N, C-alpha and C. Protein backbone atom coordinates (compact mmCIF):
# COMPACT_ATOMS: atom_id res chain seq x y z
N MET A 1 95.82 72.96 112.26
CA MET A 1 95.92 72.76 110.82
C MET A 1 95.73 71.29 110.12
N THR A 2 94.77 70.68 109.07
CA THR A 2 95.20 69.09 109.44
C THR A 2 95.60 69.75 107.53
N SER A 3 96.41 69.45 106.97
CA SER A 3 97.33 69.45 105.74
C SER A 3 97.30 67.84 105.26
N ILE A 4 97.47 67.56 104.07
CA ILE A 4 97.62 66.11 102.84
C ILE A 4 98.61 66.69 102.22
N LYS A 5 99.56 67.28 102.67
CA LYS A 5 100.64 67.43 101.84
C LYS A 5 101.61 66.57 101.29
N GLY A 6 101.95 66.87 99.96
CA GLY A 6 102.27 65.30 99.46
C GLY A 6 101.62 64.30 99.17
N LEU A 7 100.75 64.56 99.28
CA LEU A 7 99.84 63.11 99.58
C LEU A 7 98.29 62.82 98.42
N PHE A 8 98.11 64.14 98.16
CA PHE A 8 96.79 64.65 96.78
C PHE A 8 97.18 64.30 95.67
N THR A 9 96.72 63.85 94.91
CA THR A 9 97.35 63.89 93.63
C THR A 9 96.14 63.40 92.56
N MET A 10 96.30 64.51 91.06
CA MET A 10 94.77 64.29 90.66
C MET A 10 94.62 62.41 90.30
N ALA A 11 95.38 61.86 90.41
CA ALA A 11 95.33 60.49 89.96
C ALA A 11 94.58 59.86 91.01
N ASN A 12 94.70 60.03 92.23
CA ASN A 12 93.92 59.58 93.77
C ASN A 12 93.14 60.43 93.96
N ALA A 13 92.44 61.80 93.24
CA ALA A 13 91.64 62.92 94.07
C ALA A 13 90.06 62.25 94.62
N ILE A 14 89.78 61.23 93.67
CA ILE A 14 88.45 60.33 93.83
C ILE A 14 88.50 60.03 95.01
N ASP A 15 89.78 59.85 95.52
CA ASP A 15 89.94 58.72 97.27
C ASP A 15 89.29 59.64 98.35
N TRP A 16 89.73 61.24 97.57
CA TRP A 16 89.59 61.90 98.93
C TRP A 16 88.46 62.56 98.83
N ILE A 17 87.51 62.06 98.60
CA ILE A 17 86.06 62.88 98.00
C ILE A 17 85.16 62.41 99.68
N GLY A 18 85.28 63.49 100.26
CA GLY A 18 84.02 63.42 101.49
C GLY A 18 83.91 65.12 101.90
N PRO A 19 83.62 65.53 103.18
CA PRO A 19 83.56 66.52 104.21
C PRO A 19 84.61 66.83 104.91
N ASN A 20 85.07 68.02 105.06
CA ASN A 20 86.20 68.55 105.79
C ASN A 20 87.39 67.77 106.15
N ILE A 21 88.27 67.47 104.77
CA ILE A 21 88.66 66.35 104.94
C ILE A 21 89.79 67.26 105.15
N VAL A 22 89.90 68.59 105.34
CA VAL A 22 91.37 69.12 105.82
C VAL A 22 90.51 70.82 106.62
N VAL A 23 91.34 71.19 107.63
CA VAL A 23 91.28 72.35 108.01
C VAL A 23 92.50 72.97 108.15
N SER A 24 91.96 74.45 107.86
CA SER A 24 93.36 75.43 107.46
C SER A 24 93.81 76.05 108.84
N ASP A 25 94.91 76.88 108.59
CA ASP A 25 95.25 77.30 109.80
C ASP A 25 94.71 78.87 110.09
N TRP A 26 94.34 79.34 111.21
CA TRP A 26 93.82 80.70 111.26
C TRP A 26 95.12 81.59 110.58
N VAL A 27 93.93 82.51 109.50
CA VAL A 27 94.55 84.18 109.29
C VAL A 27 94.14 84.96 110.24
N GLU A 28 94.88 85.85 110.19
CA GLU A 28 94.30 87.40 110.90
C GLU A 28 94.55 88.02 109.91
N LEU A 29 93.09 89.15 109.99
CA LEU A 29 93.28 89.85 108.89
C LEU A 29 92.87 91.58 109.20
N THR A 30 93.06 92.47 108.83
CA THR A 30 92.95 93.71 109.89
C THR A 30 92.10 94.63 109.12
N GLN A 31 91.62 95.94 109.52
CA GLN A 31 91.12 96.75 109.24
C GLN A 31 91.40 97.43 107.83
N LYS A 32 93.16 97.58 107.96
CA LYS A 32 93.91 97.94 106.89
C LYS A 32 94.08 97.31 105.88
N GLU A 33 93.69 95.97 105.61
CA GLU A 33 93.62 94.87 104.27
C GLU A 33 92.25 95.15 104.07
N VAL A 34 91.47 95.09 104.62
CA VAL A 34 89.78 95.14 104.39
C VAL A 34 90.21 96.73 103.43
N SER A 35 90.20 97.70 103.92
CA SER A 35 90.43 98.78 103.52
C SER A 35 91.14 99.25 101.95
N GLU A 36 92.47 98.49 102.25
CA GLU A 36 93.12 98.26 100.80
C GLU A 36 92.30 97.49 99.70
N PHE A 37 91.32 96.29 100.21
CA PHE A 37 90.65 95.55 99.25
C PHE A 37 89.82 96.47 98.80
N GLY A 38 89.25 97.30 99.48
CA GLY A 38 88.02 98.18 98.98
C GLY A 38 88.87 99.48 98.27
N LYS A 39 89.30 99.71 98.24
CA LYS A 39 90.13 100.88 97.62
C LYS A 39 90.98 100.00 96.27
N LEU A 40 91.46 98.60 96.23
CA LEU A 40 91.60 98.11 94.98
C LEU A 40 90.64 97.79 94.38
N THR A 41 89.27 97.56 94.22
CA THR A 41 88.41 97.32 93.40
C THR A 41 87.24 98.29 93.83
N LYS A 42 88.06 99.15 93.97
CA LYS A 42 87.25 100.50 93.69
C LYS A 42 85.77 100.29 94.47
N HIS A 43 85.31 99.85 95.78
CA HIS A 43 84.39 99.73 96.41
C HIS A 43 85.04 100.26 97.72
N HIS A 44 84.21 101.43 97.65
CA HIS A 44 84.38 102.38 98.28
C HIS A 44 83.25 102.75 99.32
N HIS A 45 82.67 101.50 100.11
CA HIS A 45 81.54 102.13 100.97
C HIS A 45 81.90 102.18 102.14
N TRP A 46 81.00 102.98 102.89
CA TRP A 46 81.20 103.29 104.34
C TRP A 46 81.63 102.07 105.18
N LEU A 47 80.81 101.13 104.88
CA LEU A 47 80.49 99.96 105.54
C LEU A 47 81.92 99.38 105.60
N HIS A 48 82.44 99.36 105.02
CA HIS A 48 83.76 98.72 104.77
C HIS A 48 84.56 99.41 105.26
N LEU A 49 84.85 100.59 104.86
CA LEU A 49 86.24 101.36 105.49
C LEU A 49 86.21 102.41 106.27
N ASN A 50 85.00 103.07 106.79
CA ASN A 50 84.76 104.07 107.91
C ASN A 50 83.94 103.34 108.93
N PRO A 51 85.30 102.89 110.22
CA PRO A 51 84.85 102.63 111.15
C PRO A 51 83.70 103.60 112.16
N GLU A 52 83.99 104.41 112.52
CA GLU A 52 83.15 105.26 113.50
C GLU A 52 82.05 105.35 112.50
N ARG A 53 81.54 105.58 111.27
CA ARG A 53 80.70 105.64 110.66
C ARG A 53 79.85 104.44 110.48
N ALA A 54 80.63 103.17 110.71
CA ALA A 54 79.54 101.93 110.80
C ALA A 54 79.49 101.72 112.16
N ASN A 55 79.81 102.19 113.07
CA ASN A 55 79.75 101.85 114.53
C ASN A 55 78.58 102.64 114.84
N ASN A 56 78.25 103.96 114.39
CA ASN A 56 77.85 105.02 114.59
C ASN A 56 75.98 104.60 114.21
N GLU A 57 75.98 103.93 112.82
CA GLU A 57 74.82 103.90 112.06
C GLU A 57 74.40 102.10 111.74
N THR A 58 75.33 101.56 112.33
CA THR A 58 74.97 100.03 112.29
C THR A 58 75.34 99.49 113.48
N SER A 59 74.29 98.33 113.71
CA SER A 59 74.47 97.31 115.20
C SER A 59 75.46 96.24 114.49
N PHE A 60 76.51 96.25 113.95
CA PHE A 60 78.05 95.58 113.93
C PHE A 60 78.80 96.48 114.95
N GLY A 61 78.99 97.24 115.35
CA GLY A 61 80.26 97.98 116.15
C GLY A 61 81.05 97.95 115.61
N GLY A 62 80.91 98.44 114.11
CA GLY A 62 82.34 98.93 113.81
C GLY A 62 81.83 98.18 111.47
N THR A 63 83.01 98.87 111.30
CA THR A 63 83.12 98.28 109.73
C THR A 63 82.80 96.74 109.86
N ILE A 64 82.20 96.14 108.22
CA ILE A 64 81.95 94.49 108.00
C ILE A 64 83.14 94.24 107.06
N VAL A 65 83.77 93.07 106.90
CA VAL A 65 84.60 92.54 105.62
C VAL A 65 83.91 92.20 104.48
N GLN A 66 84.23 92.05 103.44
CA GLN A 66 83.56 92.14 101.82
C GLN A 66 83.68 90.56 101.99
N GLY A 67 82.11 90.25 101.55
CA GLY A 67 82.66 88.83 101.70
C GLY A 67 83.20 88.18 100.10
N PHE A 68 83.84 89.23 99.08
CA PHE A 68 84.63 89.12 98.17
C PHE A 68 86.04 88.76 98.49
N PHE A 69 85.87 90.07 99.55
CA PHE A 69 87.53 89.76 99.87
C PHE A 69 88.09 88.45 100.91
N MET A 70 87.00 87.69 101.92
CA MET A 70 87.23 86.25 101.74
C MET A 70 87.42 85.77 101.05
N LEU A 71 86.32 85.37 100.19
CA LEU A 71 86.41 84.90 98.70
C LEU A 71 87.91 84.25 98.68
N ASN A 72 88.73 85.44 97.97
CA ASN A 72 89.78 85.23 97.45
C ASN A 72 90.84 84.44 98.63
N TYR A 73 90.30 84.19 99.55
CA TYR A 73 91.84 83.32 100.83
C TYR A 73 90.88 81.72 99.97
N ILE A 74 90.51 81.09 99.51
CA ILE A 74 90.14 79.91 99.25
C ILE A 74 91.12 79.30 98.19
N ILE A 75 92.41 80.38 97.20
CA ILE A 75 93.19 80.05 97.16
C ILE A 75 94.46 79.66 98.06
N HIS A 76 95.00 80.72 99.27
CA HIS A 76 95.53 80.47 100.03
C HIS A 76 95.29 79.44 101.19
N PHE A 77 94.18 78.98 101.35
CA PHE A 77 93.64 77.70 101.87
C PHE A 77 93.89 76.43 101.19
N ILE A 78 93.57 76.34 100.01
CA ILE A 78 94.14 75.13 99.54
C ILE A 78 95.50 75.14 99.15
N ASP A 79 96.33 75.75 98.82
CA ASP A 79 97.78 75.33 99.33
C ASP A 79 98.23 75.33 100.48
N GLN A 80 97.68 75.61 101.63
CA GLN A 80 98.43 75.59 103.04
C GLN A 80 97.75 74.12 103.46
N THR A 81 96.93 73.29 102.70
CA THR A 81 96.46 72.65 103.58
C THR A 81 97.10 70.96 102.58
N GLY A 82 97.53 71.28 101.85
CA GLY A 82 98.19 70.70 100.37
C GLY A 82 97.25 70.09 99.50
N LEU A 83 96.18 70.87 99.15
CA LEU A 83 94.95 70.77 98.62
C LEU A 83 95.60 70.49 96.68
N ARG A 84 96.42 70.87 96.87
CA ARG A 84 97.32 71.11 94.94
C ARG A 84 97.72 70.04 94.81
N PRO A 85 96.68 69.21 94.10
CA PRO A 85 97.84 67.72 93.41
C PRO A 85 99.28 68.00 93.31
N THR A 86 100.08 67.07 93.62
CA THR A 86 101.61 67.07 93.80
C THR A 86 101.58 66.26 91.95
N ASP A 87 101.14 66.21 91.15
CA ASP A 87 101.28 65.70 90.01
C ASP A 87 100.86 66.67 88.79
N ALA A 88 99.79 67.83 89.19
CA ALA A 88 99.76 68.81 89.04
C ALA A 88 100.60 69.85 88.48
N GLN A 89 100.67 70.45 87.00
CA GLN A 89 101.61 71.73 86.88
C GLN A 89 101.06 73.14 87.35
N PHE A 90 100.05 73.33 87.06
CA PHE A 90 99.28 74.22 87.52
C PHE A 90 97.38 73.71 87.63
N SER A 91 96.91 75.12 87.57
CA SER A 91 95.48 74.70 87.69
C SER A 91 94.96 75.74 86.71
N LEU A 92 93.76 76.16 86.34
CA LEU A 92 92.84 77.01 85.87
C LEU A 92 91.59 77.10 87.04
N ASN A 93 90.96 78.48 87.16
CA ASN A 93 90.20 78.90 87.87
C ASN A 93 88.86 78.71 86.91
N TYR A 94 88.40 77.70 87.51
CA TYR A 94 86.80 77.20 87.05
C TYR A 94 85.38 77.93 86.84
N GLY A 95 85.90 78.32 87.86
CA GLY A 95 84.06 78.54 88.57
C GLY A 95 83.62 78.23 89.86
N LEU A 96 83.16 79.06 90.04
CA LEU A 96 82.27 78.66 91.90
C LEU A 96 80.97 78.28 91.02
N ASP A 97 80.05 76.89 91.73
CA ASP A 97 79.13 76.91 91.44
C ASP A 97 78.04 77.43 92.75
N LYS A 98 78.25 77.92 94.07
CA LYS A 98 77.37 78.57 94.64
C LYS A 98 78.25 79.15 95.52
N VAL A 99 77.81 80.35 96.40
CA VAL A 99 78.53 80.84 97.22
C VAL A 99 77.44 81.45 97.80
N ARG A 100 77.73 81.62 99.30
CA ARG A 100 77.06 82.35 99.95
C ARG A 100 77.67 82.92 101.21
N PHE A 101 77.28 83.99 101.56
CA PHE A 101 77.96 84.76 102.64
C PHE A 101 76.63 84.57 103.37
N VAL A 102 77.09 84.13 104.51
CA VAL A 102 75.96 83.58 105.69
C VAL A 102 75.83 84.75 106.66
N GLN A 103 76.94 85.18 107.24
CA GLN A 103 77.23 85.84 108.38
C GLN A 103 77.76 87.34 108.08
N PRO A 104 77.25 88.49 108.36
CA PRO A 104 78.36 89.50 108.12
C PRO A 104 79.09 89.48 109.63
N VAL A 105 80.43 89.65 108.73
CA VAL A 105 81.98 89.36 109.69
C VAL A 105 82.56 91.13 109.94
N PRO A 106 81.82 91.21 111.40
CA PRO A 106 82.95 92.55 112.02
C PRO A 106 84.18 92.59 112.20
N VAL A 107 84.92 93.72 111.35
CA VAL A 107 86.14 93.71 111.36
C VAL A 107 86.90 94.23 113.11
N ALA A 108 86.29 95.15 113.77
CA ALA A 108 86.55 95.29 114.99
C ALA A 108 88.11 96.11 114.89
N ASP A 109 88.96 95.40 115.39
CA ASP A 109 89.92 95.46 115.55
C ASP A 109 91.17 94.57 115.04
N GLY A 110 90.35 93.65 114.26
CA GLY A 110 91.46 92.55 113.51
C GLY A 110 90.31 91.38 113.67
N PHE A 111 90.89 90.20 113.40
CA PHE A 111 89.60 88.95 113.12
C PHE A 111 89.93 87.67 112.42
N GLN A 112 90.34 86.88 112.64
CA GLN A 112 90.81 85.76 112.18
C GLN A 112 89.96 84.47 111.56
N ILE A 113 90.36 83.94 110.18
CA ILE A 113 89.41 83.21 109.71
C ILE A 113 90.10 81.69 109.54
N ARG A 114 89.41 80.69 109.09
CA ARG A 114 90.11 79.53 108.69
C ARG A 114 88.69 78.91 107.94
N ASP A 115 89.48 78.13 107.20
CA ASP A 115 88.24 77.22 106.11
C ASP A 115 88.30 75.58 106.29
N ARG A 116 86.91 75.14 106.64
CA ARG A 116 87.08 74.01 106.47
C ARG A 116 86.42 73.15 105.19
N ILE A 117 87.17 72.73 104.86
CA ILE A 117 87.63 72.28 103.17
C ILE A 117 87.14 71.13 102.94
N GLY A 118 86.19 70.54 102.26
CA GLY A 118 85.44 69.26 101.45
C GLY A 118 86.11 69.21 100.16
N LEU A 119 85.88 67.89 99.53
CA LEU A 119 86.10 67.65 98.28
C LEU A 119 84.99 66.75 97.60
N SER A 120 83.95 67.48 97.12
CA SER A 120 82.70 66.88 96.83
C SER A 120 82.43 65.91 95.21
N GLU A 121 83.59 66.51 94.25
CA GLU A 121 83.70 66.33 93.16
C GLU A 121 84.75 65.97 92.26
N VAL A 122 85.30 64.76 91.24
CA VAL A 122 86.58 64.80 90.70
C VAL A 122 85.66 64.12 89.28
N SER A 123 86.09 64.52 88.29
CA SER A 123 86.21 64.84 87.18
C SER A 123 87.31 64.55 86.09
N LEU A 124 87.71 63.19 85.92
CA LEU A 124 88.43 63.08 84.77
C LEU A 124 88.66 63.34 83.99
N ARG A 125 89.73 64.06 82.79
CA ARG A 125 89.25 64.04 81.87
C ARG A 125 90.48 64.15 80.88
N THR A 126 89.69 63.22 79.53
CA THR A 126 91.11 62.26 78.91
C THR A 126 92.29 63.53 78.53
N ASP A 127 91.94 64.72 78.73
CA ASP A 127 92.96 65.90 77.67
C ASP A 127 93.97 66.01 78.88
N ASN A 128 94.30 65.01 80.33
CA ASN A 128 95.17 65.06 81.09
C ASN A 128 95.20 66.34 82.02
N ARG A 129 93.72 66.14 82.01
CA ARG A 129 93.01 67.21 82.97
C ARG A 129 91.92 66.80 84.16
N THR A 130 91.92 67.39 85.19
CA THR A 130 91.24 66.76 86.55
C THR A 130 90.15 68.40 86.45
N LEU A 131 89.08 67.77 86.74
CA LEU A 131 88.12 68.88 87.36
C LEU A 131 88.04 68.54 88.65
N ILE A 132 87.90 69.25 89.49
CA ILE A 132 88.01 69.12 91.17
C ILE A 132 87.07 70.50 91.69
N LYS A 133 85.88 69.76 92.40
CA LYS A 133 85.52 70.89 93.49
C LYS A 133 85.34 70.60 95.33
N THR A 134 85.70 71.52 95.29
CA THR A 134 85.92 71.46 96.62
C THR A 134 84.90 72.50 97.30
N THR A 135 84.67 72.57 98.69
CA THR A 135 83.33 72.76 99.19
C THR A 135 84.11 73.70 100.09
N HIS A 136 83.95 74.99 101.03
CA HIS A 136 84.83 75.53 102.00
C HIS A 136 83.52 76.14 102.71
N ASN A 137 83.74 76.26 103.74
CA ASN A 137 82.97 76.43 104.77
C ASN A 137 83.77 77.37 105.89
N PHE A 138 83.99 78.50 105.85
CA PHE A 138 84.51 79.63 106.31
C PHE A 138 84.16 80.13 107.74
N GLU A 139 85.00 80.03 108.81
CA GLU A 139 84.86 80.04 109.98
C GLU A 139 85.78 81.48 110.82
N VAL A 140 84.96 82.10 110.99
CA VAL A 140 85.50 83.61 111.99
C VAL A 140 85.50 83.38 113.40
N ASN A 141 87.01 83.34 114.44
CA ASN A 141 86.79 83.68 115.68
C ASN A 141 86.19 84.02 116.15
N GLY A 142 85.48 83.78 117.05
CA GLY A 142 84.20 84.10 118.34
C GLY A 142 83.10 84.48 117.30
N ILE A 143 82.90 83.90 116.11
CA ILE A 143 81.71 83.80 115.56
C ILE A 143 81.20 82.28 115.84
N ASN A 144 79.88 81.99 115.91
CA ASN A 144 79.68 80.57 115.94
C ASN A 144 79.01 80.28 114.56
N GLY A 145 79.02 78.98 114.12
CA GLY A 145 79.15 78.65 112.79
C GLY A 145 79.87 79.37 111.39
N THR A 146 79.33 78.73 110.09
CA THR A 146 79.62 79.11 109.08
C THR A 146 79.42 80.38 108.77
N VAL A 147 80.32 81.51 108.01
CA VAL A 147 80.42 82.56 107.55
C VAL A 147 80.60 82.98 106.35
N LEU A 148 80.72 81.88 105.80
CA LEU A 148 80.90 82.05 103.99
C LEU A 148 80.79 80.42 103.46
N TYR A 149 80.13 79.94 102.71
CA TYR A 149 79.92 78.72 102.17
C TYR A 149 80.16 78.97 100.66
N ALA A 150 81.19 78.01 99.91
CA ALA A 150 81.80 78.31 98.77
C ALA A 150 81.57 76.99 98.11
N GLU A 151 81.67 76.59 96.84
CA GLU A 151 81.83 75.49 96.06
C GLU A 151 82.41 75.86 94.47
N TRP A 152 83.80 75.75 94.92
CA TRP A 152 84.83 76.09 93.90
C TRP A 152 85.45 75.06 93.01
N LEU A 153 85.39 75.30 92.01
CA LEU A 153 85.91 74.57 90.79
C LEU A 153 87.29 74.83 90.06
N ALA A 154 88.05 73.81 90.06
CA ALA A 154 89.52 74.38 90.02
C ALA A 154 89.77 72.65 88.38
N LEU A 155 90.50 73.34 87.41
CA LEU A 155 90.69 72.44 86.45
C LEU A 155 92.29 72.56 86.69
N TRP A 156 92.30 71.65 86.81
CA TRP A 156 93.89 71.22 87.61
C TRP A 156 94.41 70.26 85.53
N SER A 157 95.61 70.17 85.34
CA SER A 157 96.44 69.94 84.57
C SER A 157 98.03 69.64 84.51
N ASN A 158 98.55 68.69 84.08
CA ASN A 158 100.27 67.80 84.59
C ASN A 158 100.85 68.40 83.44
N LYS A 159 100.24 68.64 82.46
CA LYS A 159 100.85 68.99 80.79
C LYS A 159 100.99 70.50 81.07
N CYS A 160 102.04 71.26 80.53
CA CYS A 160 101.96 72.44 80.37
C CYS A 160 101.39 73.22 79.21
N ARG A 161 100.68 72.48 78.22
CA ARG A 161 100.10 72.95 77.02
C ARG A 161 98.94 72.68 76.69
N PRO A 162 97.73 73.13 77.07
CA PRO A 162 96.50 72.01 76.91
C PRO A 162 96.11 71.18 75.63
């Protein structure tokens, strides 16, 4: 993993613009977690929850992970790699400009994901906030290339009341 913990601030964010500024650690995920996510979000499709049926009826060799499940790891990877500005008190999720689920990810007995994160835009605002757009290229151990690409927007604030 690469990390910029303690170095990244709203004030210097513009200096960090570029592709692949940090790479997260691998995170291992299991069928149990994929199934729990399906239950929690009321997405009960057999393609994600029934390994035997998915093995018999698809070419994936079993279930595949939900794209939105992987997408949720953006925040974890931001925190893990130090891309939470040290001069910010909090952030608001501002949205996504682009998301692509590039390749299906078989769950099998478990899998590992990691994120190659870049910084593409920084917009300083007059209200003590900074809008930051990061790019995310998720990789899965054993699969060539990006499996998920996303551009995430976060509005960082260095004061408690907007």
